[in-house]
Amino acid sequence: MDPAIYNGFLLVAALFFGAAFILTSYRILAGPNSLDRLLGLDGLVAMIQCALATYICWSLDLTVSGAMLVVALLGFISSVSVARFRKKDGT
């Protein structure tokens, strides 16, 4: 594949990730309750993983894969802990 086309596709993906980060950050900040904020945080963790995978495709550097594993584990642990110890909002 032509490198210009490949970099163009990766640039389009990066622009979509940027827009998704902004929309998800709004959901985290303006969520009416804690479950909406948790859902936004899960989406943000998934987007960070996808953005890191896009970076790996762009740079061909696999040293970031350890960071992807850490982000995945922290996202899972945070979701489980918030879901387990959550109290009703407003009480």
PDB file of N, CA and C in Angstrom:
ATOM      1  N   MET A   1       0.837  -1.167   0.000  1.00  0.00           N
ATOM      2  CA  MET A   1       0.000   0.000   0.000  1.00  0.00           C
ATOM      3  C   MET A   1       0.892   1.243   0.000  1.00  0.00           C
ATOM      4  N   ASP A   2       0.416   2.243  -0.679  1.00  0.00           N
ATOM      5  CA  ASP A   2       1.152   3.498  -0.759  1.00  0.00           C
ATOM      6  C   ASP A   2       1.211   4.147   0.627  1.00  0.00           C
ATOM      7  N   PRO A   3       2.387   4.578   1.085  1.00  0.00           N
ATOM      8  CA  PRO A   3       2.499   5.176   2.428  1.00  0.00           C
ATOM      9  C   PRO A   3       1.639   6.421   2.611  1.00  0.00           C
ATOM     10  N   ALA A   4       1.418   7.181   1.570  1.00  0.00           N
ATOM     11  CA  ALA A   4       0.578   8.381   1.697  1.00  0.00           C
ATOM     12  C   ALA A   4      -0.871   7.998   1.987  1.00  0.00           C
ATOM     13  N   ILE A   5      -1.364   6.968   1.329  1.00  0.00           N
ATOM     14  CA  ILE A   5      -2.737   6.502   1.575  1.00  0.00           C
ATOM     15  C   ILE A   5      -2.846   5.927   2.982  1.00  0.00           C
ATOM     16  N   TYR A   6      -1.842   5.142   3.373  1.00  0.00           N
ATOM     17  CA  TYR A   6      -1.820   4.539   4.707  1.00  0.00           C
ATOM     18  C   TYR A   6      -1.835   5.624   5.789  1.00  0.00           C
ATOM     19  N   ASN A   7      -0.988   6.635   5.639  1.00  0.00           N
ATOM     20  CA  ASN A   7      -0.959   7.731   6.614  1.00  0.00           C
ATOM     21  C   ASN A   7      -2.245   8.545   6.572  1.00  0.00           C
ATOM     22  N   GLY A   8      -2.867   8.636   5.415  1.00  0.00           N
ATOM     23  CA  GLY A   8      -4.154   9.328   5.315  1.00  0.00           C
ATOM     24  C   GLY A   8      -5.240   8.609   6.100  1.00  0.00           C
ATOM     25  N   PHE A   9      -5.288   7.291   5.972  1.00  0.00           N
ATOM     26  CA  PHE A   9      -6.259   6.510   6.746  1.00  0.00           C
ATOM     27  C   PHE A   9      -6.016   6.661   8.249  1.00  0.00           C
ATOM     28  N   LEU A  10      -4.750   6.641   8.646  1.00  0.00           N
ATOM     29  CA  LEU A  10      -4.442   6.795  10.059  1.00  0.00           C
ATOM     30  C   LEU A  10      -4.781   8.204  10.555  1.00  0.00           C
ATOM     31  N   LEU A  11      -4.625   9.209   9.701  1.00  0.00           N
ATOM     32  CA  LEU A  11      -5.002  10.569  10.075  1.00  0.00           C
ATOM     33  C   LEU A  11      -6.507  10.687  10.257  1.00  0.00           C
ATOM     34  N   VAL A  12      -7.274  10.069   9.379  1.00  0.00           N
ATOM     35  CA  VAL A  12      -8.733  10.076   9.520  1.00  0.00           C
ATOM     36  C   VAL A  12      -9.138   9.372  10.814  1.00  0.00           C
ATOM     37  N   ALA A  13      -8.498   8.255  11.122  1.00  0.00           N
ATOM     38  CA  ALA A  13      -8.798   7.543  12.371  1.00  0.00           C
ATOM     39  C   ALA A  13      -8.465   8.412  13.582  1.00  0.00           C
ATOM     40  N   ALA A  14      -7.336   9.129  13.526  1.00  0.00           N
ATOM     41  CA  ALA A  14      -6.954  10.005  14.634  1.00  0.00           C
ATOM     42  C   ALA A  14      -7.955  11.138  14.800  1.00  0.00           C
ATOM     43  N   LEU A  15      -8.472  11.685  13.713  1.00  0.00           N
ATOM     44  CA  LEU A  15      -9.482  12.746  13.815  1.00  0.00           C
ATOM     45  C   LEU A  15     -10.779  12.222  14.440  1.00  0.00           C
ATOM     46  N   PHE A  16     -11.171  11.015  14.038  1.00  0.00           N
ATOM     47  CA  PHE A  16     -12.364  10.417  14.646  1.00  0.00           C
ATOM     48  C   PHE A  16     -12.151  10.152  16.137  1.00  0.00           C
ATOM     49  N   PHE A  17     -10.952   9.704  16.509  1.00  0.00           N
ATOM     50  CA  PHE A  17     -10.661   9.488  17.928  1.00  0.00           C
ATOM     51  C   PHE A  17     -10.720  10.806  18.691  1.00  0.00           C
ATOM     52  N   GLY A  18     -10.215  11.871  18.105  1.00  0.00           N
ATOM     53  CA  GLY A  18     -10.273  13.177  18.761  1.00  0.00           C
ATOM     54  C   GLY A  18     -11.705  13.629  19.007  1.00  0.00           C
ATOM     55  N   ALA A  19     -12.563  13.481  18.010  1.00  0.00           N
ATOM     56  CA  ALA A  19     -13.977  13.840  18.176  1.00  0.00           C
ATOM     57  C   ALA A  19     -14.645  12.948  19.227  1.00  0.00           C
ATOM     58  N   ALA A  20     -14.324  11.664  19.205  1.00  0.00           N
ATOM     59  CA  ALA A  20     -14.914  10.743  20.183  1.00  0.00           C
ATOM     60  C   ALA A  20     -14.438  11.063  21.600  1.00  0.00           C
ATOM     61  N   PHE A  21     -13.162  11.459  21.746  1.00  0.00           N
ATOM     62  CA  PHE A  21     -12.664  11.845  23.070  1.00  0.00           C
ATOM     63  C   PHE A  21     -13.427  13.049  23.600  1.00  0.00           C
ATOM     64  N   ILE A  22     -13.689  14.022  22.758  1.00  0.00           N
ATOM     65  CA  ILE A  22     -14.415  15.220  23.191  1.00  0.00           C
ATOM     66  C   ILE A  22     -15.836  14.865  23.602  1.00  0.00           C
ATOM     67  N   LEU A  23     -16.524  14.067  22.799  1.00  0.00           N
ATOM     68  CA  LEU A  23     -17.901  13.697  23.132  1.00  0.00           C
ATOM     69  C   LEU A  23     -17.972  12.841  24.395  1.00  0.00           C
ATOM     70  N   THR A  24     -17.040  11.936  24.559  1.00  0.00           N
ATOM     71  CA  THR A  24     -17.042  11.088  25.741  1.00  0.00           C
ATOM     72  C   THR A  24     -16.663  11.886  26.989  1.00  0.00           C
ATOM     73  N   SER A  25     -15.766  12.829  26.848  1.00  0.00           N
ATOM     74  CA  SER A  25     -15.420  13.678  27.992  1.00  0.00           C
ATOM     75  C   SER A  25     -16.629  14.491  28.442  1.00  0.00           C
ATOM     76  N   TYR A  26     -17.423  14.939  27.489  1.00  0.00           N
ATOM     77  CA  TYR A  26     -18.660  15.646  27.858  1.00  0.00           C
ATOM     78  C   TYR A  26     -19.588  14.721  28.635  1.00  0.00           C
ATOM     79  N   ARG A  27     -19.703  13.466  28.208  1.00  0.00           N
ATOM     80  CA  ARG A  27     -20.578  12.512  28.907  1.00  0.00           C
ATOM     81  C   ARG A  27     -20.083  12.262  30.324  1.00  0.00           C
ATOM     82  N   ILE A  28     -18.767  12.216  30.502  1.00  0.00           N
ATOM     83  CA  ILE A  28     -18.207  11.993  31.835  1.00  0.00           C
ATOM     84  C   ILE A  28     -18.479  13.197  32.729  1.00  0.00           C
ATOM     85  N   LEU A  29     -18.319  14.400  32.200  1.00  0.00           N
ATOM     86  CA  LEU A  29     -18.496  15.604  33.011  1.00  0.00           C
ATOM     87  C   LEU A  29     -19.962  15.934  33.267  1.00  0.00           C
ATOM     88  N   ALA A  30     -20.837  15.704  32.300  1.00  0.00           N
ATOM     89  CA  ALA A  30     -22.229  16.129  32.428  1.00  0.00           C
ATOM     90  C   ALA A  30     -23.191  14.982  32.699  1.00  0.00           C
ATOM     91  N   GLY A  31     -22.673  13.792  32.978  1.00  0.00           N
ATOM     92  CA  GLY A  31     -23.549  12.653  33.213  1.00  0.00           C
ATOM     93  C   GLY A  31     -24.486  12.899  34.383  1.00  0.00           C
ATOM     94  N   PRO A  32     -25.769  12.589  34.229  1.00  0.00           N
ATOM     95  CA  PRO A  32     -26.696  12.869  35.327  1.00  0.00           C
ATOM     96  C   PRO A  32     -26.479  11.994  36.564  1.00  0.00           C
ATOM     97  N   ASN A  33     -25.903  10.822  36.404  1.00  0.00           N
ATOM     98  CA  ASN A  33     -25.624   9.987  37.579  1.00  0.00           C
ATOM     99  C   ASN A  33     -24.298   9.254  37.389  1.00  0.00           C
ATOM    100  N   SER A  34     -23.917   8.519  38.404  1.00  0.00           N
ATOM    101  CA  SER A  34     -22.598   7.890  38.390  1.00  0.00           C
ATOM    102  C   SER A  34     -22.499   6.749  37.373  1.00  0.00           C
ATOM    103  N   LEU A  35     -23.599   6.086  37.053  1.00  0.00           N
ATOM    104  CA  LEU A  35     -23.526   5.022  36.051  1.00  0.00           C
ATOM    105  C   LEU A  35     -23.265   5.587  34.660  1.00  0.00           C
ATOM    106  N   ASP A  36     -23.817   6.768  34.362  1.00  0.00           N
ATOM    107  CA  ASP A  36     -23.502   7.405  33.083  1.00  0.00           C
ATOM    108  C   ASP A  36     -22.030   7.794  33.026  1.00  0.00           C
ATOM    109  N   ARG A  37     -21.501   8.276  34.133  1.00  0.00           N
ATOM    110  CA  ARG A  37     -20.083   8.625  34.180  1.00  0.00           C
ATOM    111  C   ARG A  37     -19.210   7.369  34.041  1.00  0.00           C
ATOM    112  N   LEU A  38     -19.626   6.273  34.657  1.00  0.00           N
ATOM    113  CA  LEU A  38     -18.883   5.016  34.539  1.00  0.00           C
ATOM    114  C   LEU A  38     -18.911   4.507  33.102  1.00  0.00           C
ATOM    115  N   LEU A  39     -20.044   4.615  32.450  1.00  0.00           N
ATOM    116  CA  LEU A  39     -20.140   4.194  31.053  1.00  0.00           C
ATOM    117  C   LEU A  39     -19.240   5.055  30.166  1.00  0.00           C
ATOM    118  N   GLY A  40     -19.204   6.360  30.436  1.00  0.00           N
ATOM    119  CA  GLY A  40     -18.309   7.235  29.692  1.00  0.00           C
ATOM    120  C   GLY A  40     -16.850   6.895  29.939  1.00  0.00           C
ATOM    121  N   LEU A  41     -16.523   6.565  31.183  1.00  0.00           N
ATOM    122  CA  LEU A  41     -15.145   6.193  31.500  1.00  0.00           C
ATOM    123  C   LEU A  41     -14.750   4.886  30.819  1.00  0.00           C
ATOM    124  N   ASP A  42     -15.664   3.927  30.758  1.00  0.00           N
ATOM    125  CA  ASP A  42     -15.380   2.680  30.037  1.00  0.00           C
ATOM    126  C   ASP A  42     -15.153   2.950  28.546  1.00  0.00           C
ATOM    127  N   GLY A  43     -15.968   3.824  27.990  1.00  0.00           N
ATOM    128  CA  GLY A  43     -15.769   4.188  26.596  1.00  0.00           C
ATOM    129  C   GLY A  43     -14.438   4.886  26.372  1.00  0.00           C
ATOM    130  N   LEU A  44     -14.053   5.731  27.320  1.00  0.00           N
ATOM    131  CA  LEU A  44     -12.771   6.434  27.213  1.00  0.00           C
ATOM    132  C   LEU A  44     -11.602   5.454  27.279  1.00  0.00           C
ATOM    133  N   VAL A  45     -11.700   4.463  28.153  1.00  0.00           N
ATOM    134  CA  VAL A  45     -10.645   3.447  28.247  1.00  0.00           C
ATOM    135  C   VAL A  45     -10.545   2.659  26.942  1.00  0.00           C
ATOM    136  N   ALA A  46     -11.694   2.297  26.366  1.00  0.00           N
ATOM    137  CA  ALA A  46     -11.678   1.568  25.095  1.00  0.00           C
ATOM    138  C   ALA A  46     -11.081   2.421  23.978  1.00  0.00           C
ATOM    139  N   MET A  47     -11.400   3.719  23.978  1.00  0.00           N
ATOM    140  CA  MET A  47     -10.839   4.600  22.950  1.00  0.00           C
ATOM    141  C   MET A  47      -9.339   4.799  23.128  1.00  0.00           C
ATOM    142  N   ILE A  48      -8.880   4.841  24.365  1.00  0.00           N
ATOM    143  CA  ILE A  48      -7.435   4.952  24.604  1.00  0.00           C
ATOM    144  C   ILE A  48      -6.729   3.719  24.058  1.00  0.00           C
ATOM    145  N   GLN A  49      -7.319   2.554  24.279  1.00  0.00           N
ATOM    146  CA  GLN A  49      -6.718   1.338  23.737  1.00  0.00           C
ATOM    147  C   GLN A  49      -6.699   1.358  22.213  1.00  0.00           C
ATOM    148  N   CYS A  50      -7.773   1.794  21.606  1.00  0.00           N
ATOM    149  CA  CYS A  50      -7.810   1.865  20.146  1.00  0.00           C
ATOM    150  C   CYS A  50      -6.833   2.910  19.613  1.00  0.00           C
ATOM    151  N   ALA A  51      -6.708   4.027  20.321  1.00  0.00           N
ATOM    152  CA  ALA A  51      -5.753   5.052  19.901  1.00  0.00           C
ATOM    153  C   ALA A  51      -4.321   4.538  20.020  1.00  0.00           C
ATOM    154  N   LEU A  52      -4.034   3.788  21.067  1.00  0.00           N
ATOM    155  CA  LEU A  52      -2.698   3.200  21.192  1.00  0.00           C
ATOM    156  C   LEU A  52      -2.446   2.170  20.094  1.00  0.00           C
ATOM    157  N   ALA A  53      -3.469   1.414  19.725  1.00  0.00           N
ATOM    158  CA  ALA A  53      -3.311   0.457  18.626  1.00  0.00           C
ATOM    159  C   ALA A  53      -3.070   1.185  17.306  1.00  0.00           C
ATOM    160  N   THR A  54      -3.741   2.319  17.107  1.00  0.00           N
ATOM    161  CA  THR A  54      -3.511   3.116  15.909  1.00  0.00           C
ATOM    162  C   THR A  54      -2.095   3.667  15.904  1.00  0.00           C
ATOM    163  N   TYR A  55      -1.614   4.078  17.076  1.00  0.00           N
ATOM    164  CA  TYR A  55      -0.233   4.556  17.172  1.00  0.00           C
ATOM    165  C   TYR A  55       0.751   3.438  16.829  1.00  0.00           C
ATOM    166  N   ILE A  56       0.469   2.226  17.273  1.00  0.00           N
ATOM    167  CA  ILE A  56       1.338   1.090  16.939  1.00  0.00           C
ATOM    168  C   ILE A  56       1.359   0.871  15.427  1.00  0.00           C
ATOM    169  N   CYS A  57       0.197   0.982  14.784  1.00  0.00           N
ATOM    170  CA  CYS A  57       0.156   0.821  13.321  1.00  0.00           C
ATOM    171  C   CYS A  57       0.928   1.930  12.624  1.00  0.00           C
ATOM    172  N   TRP A  58       0.890   3.132  13.173  1.00  0.00           N
ATOM    173  CA  TRP A  58       1.572   4.255  12.537  1.00  0.00           C
ATOM    174  C   TRP A  58       3.082   4.185  12.719  1.00  0.00           C
ATOM    175  N   SER A  59       3.532   3.861  13.950  1.00  0.00           N
ATOM    176  CA  SER A  59       4.964   3.908  14.232  1.00  0.00           C
ATOM    177  C   SER A  59       5.664   2.556  14.093  1.00  0.00           C
ATOM    178  N   LEU A  60       4.897   1.475  14.037  1.00  0.00           N
ATOM    179  CA  LEU A  60       5.440   0.110  13.990  1.00  0.00           C
ATOM    180  C   LEU A  60       6.341  -0.171  15.193  1.00  0.00           C
ATOM    181  N   ASP A  61       5.974   0.394  16.336  1.00  0.00           N
ATOM    182  CA  ASP A  61       6.726   0.248  17.584  1.00  0.00           C
ATOM    183  C   ASP A  61       5.855  -0.518  18.571  1.00  0.00           C
ATOM    184  N   LEU A  62       6.267  -1.721  18.940  1.00  0.00           N
ATOM    185  CA  LEU A  62       5.448  -2.579  19.796  1.00  0.00           C
ATOM    186  C   LEU A  62       5.676  -2.359  21.288  1.00  0.00           C
ATOM    187  N   THR A  63       6.497  -1.391  21.673  1.00  0.00           N
ATOM    188  CA  THR A  63       6.737  -1.182  23.097  1.00  0.00           C
ATOM    189  C   THR A  63       5.519  -0.613  23.812  1.00  0.00           C
ATOM    190  N   VAL A  64       4.556  -0.099  23.069  1.00  0.00           N
ATOM    191  CA  VAL A  64       3.355   0.483  23.658  1.00  0.00           C
ATOM    192  C   VAL A  64       2.360  -0.607  24.060  1.00  0.00           C
ATOM    193  N   SER A  65       2.566  -1.824  23.606  1.00  0.00           N
ATOM    194  CA  SER A  65       1.608  -2.891  23.906  1.00  0.00           C
ATOM    195  C   SER A  65       1.517  -3.174  25.401  1.00  0.00           C
ATOM    196  N   GLY A  66       2.599  -2.961  26.144  1.00  0.00           N
ATOM    197  CA  GLY A  66       2.527  -3.106  27.606  1.00  0.00           C
ATOM    198  C   GLY A  66       1.615  -2.072  28.224  1.00  0.00           C
ATOM    199  N   ALA A  67       1.652  -0.855  27.705  1.00  0.00           N
ATOM    200  CA  ALA A  67       0.751   0.195  28.193  1.00  0.00           C
ATOM    201  C   ALA A  67      -0.698  -0.140  27.873  1.00  0.00           C
ATOM    202  N   MET A  68      -0.929  -0.759  26.724  1.00  0.00           N
ATOM    203  CA  MET A  68      -2.293  -1.173  26.392  1.00  0.00           C
ATOM    204  C   MET A  68      -2.817  -2.199  27.392  1.00  0.00           C
ATOM    205  N   LEU A  69      -1.969  -3.116  27.798  1.00  0.00           N
ATOM    206  CA  LEU A  69      -2.363  -4.125  28.777  1.00  0.00           C
ATOM    207  C   LEU A  69      -2.685  -3.479  30.121  1.00  0.00           C
ATOM    208  N   VAL A  70      -1.868  -2.529  30.549  1.00  0.00           N
ATOM    209  CA  VAL A  70      -2.106  -1.842  31.827  1.00  0.00           C
ATOM    210  C   VAL A  70      -3.402  -1.051  31.773  1.00  0.00           C
ATOM    211  N   VAL A  71      -3.666  -0.360  30.670  1.00  0.00           N
ATOM    212  CA  VAL A  71      -4.904   0.411  30.534  1.00  0.00           C
ATOM    213  C   VAL A  71      -6.110  -0.520  30.582  1.00  0.00           C
ATOM    214  N   ALA A  72      -6.019  -1.667  29.927  1.00  0.00           N
ATOM    215  CA  ALA A  72      -7.126  -2.625  29.935  1.00  0.00           C
ATOM    216  C   ALA A  72      -7.389  -3.161  31.343  1.00  0.00           C
ATOM    217  N   LEU A  73      -6.325  -3.504  32.053  1.00  0.00           N
ATOM    218  CA  LEU A  73      -6.508  -4.037  33.405  1.00  0.00           C
ATOM    219  C   LEU A  73      -7.063  -2.974  34.357  1.00  0.00           C
ATOM    220  N   LEU A  74      -6.559  -1.756  34.279  1.00  0.00           N
ATOM    221  CA  LEU A  74      -7.070  -0.693  35.147  1.00  0.00           C
ATOM    222  C   LEU A  74      -8.518  -0.349  34.820  1.00  0.00           C
ATOM    223  N   GLY A  75      -8.870  -0.359  33.549  1.00  0.00           N
ATOM    224  CA  GLY A  75     -10.256  -0.109  33.165  1.00  0.00           C
ATOM    225  C   GLY A  75     -11.195  -1.182  33.696  1.00  0.00           C
ATOM    226  N   PHE A  76     -10.777  -2.433  33.604  1.00  0.00           N
ATOM    227  CA  PHE A  76     -11.606  -3.521  34.108  1.00  0.00           C
ATOM    228  C   PHE A  76     -11.755  -3.440  35.626  1.00  0.00           C
ATOM    229  N   ILE A  77     -10.659  -3.238  36.325  1.00  0.00           N
ATOM    230  CA  ILE A  77     -10.706  -3.185  37.785  1.00  0.00           C
ATOM    231  C   ILE A  77     -11.537  -1.994  38.264  1.00  0.00           C
ATOM    232  N   SER A  78     -11.398  -0.849  37.609  1.00  0.00           N
ATOM    233  CA  SER A  78     -12.175   0.316  38.031  1.00  0.00           C
ATOM    234  C   SER A  78     -13.664   0.104  37.784  1.00  0.00           C
ATOM    235  N   SER A  79     -14.030  -0.503  36.666  1.00  0.00           N
ATOM    236  CA  SER A  79     -15.445  -0.747  36.385  1.00  0.00           C
ATOM    237  C   SER A  79     -16.049  -1.717  37.387  1.00  0.00           C
ATOM    238  N   VAL A  80     -15.338  -2.772  37.674  1.00  0.00           N
ATOM    239  CA  VAL A  80     -15.847  -3.764  38.620  1.00  0.00           C
ATOM    240  C   VAL A  80     -15.965  -3.166  40.021  1.00  0.00           C
ATOM    241  N   SER A  81     -14.979  -2.389  40.441  1.00  0.00           N
ATOM    242  CA  SER A  81     -15.020  -1.834  41.792  1.00  0.00           C
ATOM    243  C   SER A  81     -16.122  -0.791  41.933  1.00  0.00           C
ATOM    244  N   VAL A  82     -16.329   0.044  40.937  1.00  0.00           N
ATOM    245  CA  VAL A  82     -17.401   1.038  41.021  1.00  0.00           C
ATOM    246  C   VAL A  82     -18.755   0.345  40.989  1.00  0.00           C
ATOM    247  N   ALA A  83     -18.918  -0.655  40.141  1.00  0.00           N
ATOM    248  CA  ALA A  83     -20.186  -1.374  40.082  1.00  0.00           C
ATOM    249  C   ALA A  83     -20.458  -2.142  41.377  1.00  0.00           C
ATOM    250  N   ARG A  84     -19.427  -2.623  42.008  1.00  0.00           N
ATOM    251  CA  ARG A  84     -19.603  -3.407  43.241  1.00  0.00           C
ATOM    252  C   ARG A  84     -19.939  -2.538  44.433  1.00  0.00           C
ATOM    253  N   PHE A  85     -19.298  -1.392  44.566  1.00  0.00           N
ATOM    254  CA  PHE A  85     -19.449  -0.577  45.767  1.00  0.00           C
ATOM    255  C   PHE A  85     -20.284   0.677  45.537  1.00  0.00           C
ATOM    256  N   ARG A  86     -21.012   0.747  44.468  1.00  0.00           N
ATOM    257  CA  ARG A  86     -21.815   1.919  44.153  1.00  0.00           C
ATOM    258  C   ARG A  86     -23.030   2.002  45.068  1.00  0.00           C
ATOM    259  N   LYS A  87     -23.317   3.222  45.507  1.00  0.00           N
ATOM    260  CA  LYS A  87     -24.550   3.494  46.253  1.00  0.00           C
ATOM    261  C   LYS A  87     -25.464   4.300  45.372  1.00  0.00           C
ATOM    262  N   LYS A  88     -26.735   4.353  45.721  1.00  0.00           N
ATOM    263  CA  LYS A  88     -27.682   5.127  44.929  1.00  0.00           C
ATOM    264  C   LYS A  88     -27.294   6.594  44.953  1.00  0.00           C
ATOM    265  N   ASP A  89     -27.476   7.252  43.821  1.00  0.00           N
ATOM    266  CA  ASP A  89     -27.176   8.675  43.758  1.00  0.00           C
ATOM    267  C   ASP A  89     -28.212   9.465  44.552  1.00  0.00           C
ATOM    268  N   GLY A  90     -27.761  10.491  45.247  1.00  0.00           N
ATOM    269  CA  GLY A  90     -28.661  11.349  46.006  1.00  0.00           C
ATOM    270  C   GLY A  90     -28.972  10.872  47.407  1.00  0.00           C
ATOM    271  N   THR A  91     -28.385   9.764  47.833  1.00  0.00           N
ATOM    272  CA  THR A  91     -28.631   9.284  49.208  1.00  0.00           C
ATOM    273  C   THR A  91     -27.353   9.173  49.968  1.00  0.00           C
TER     274      THR A  91
END
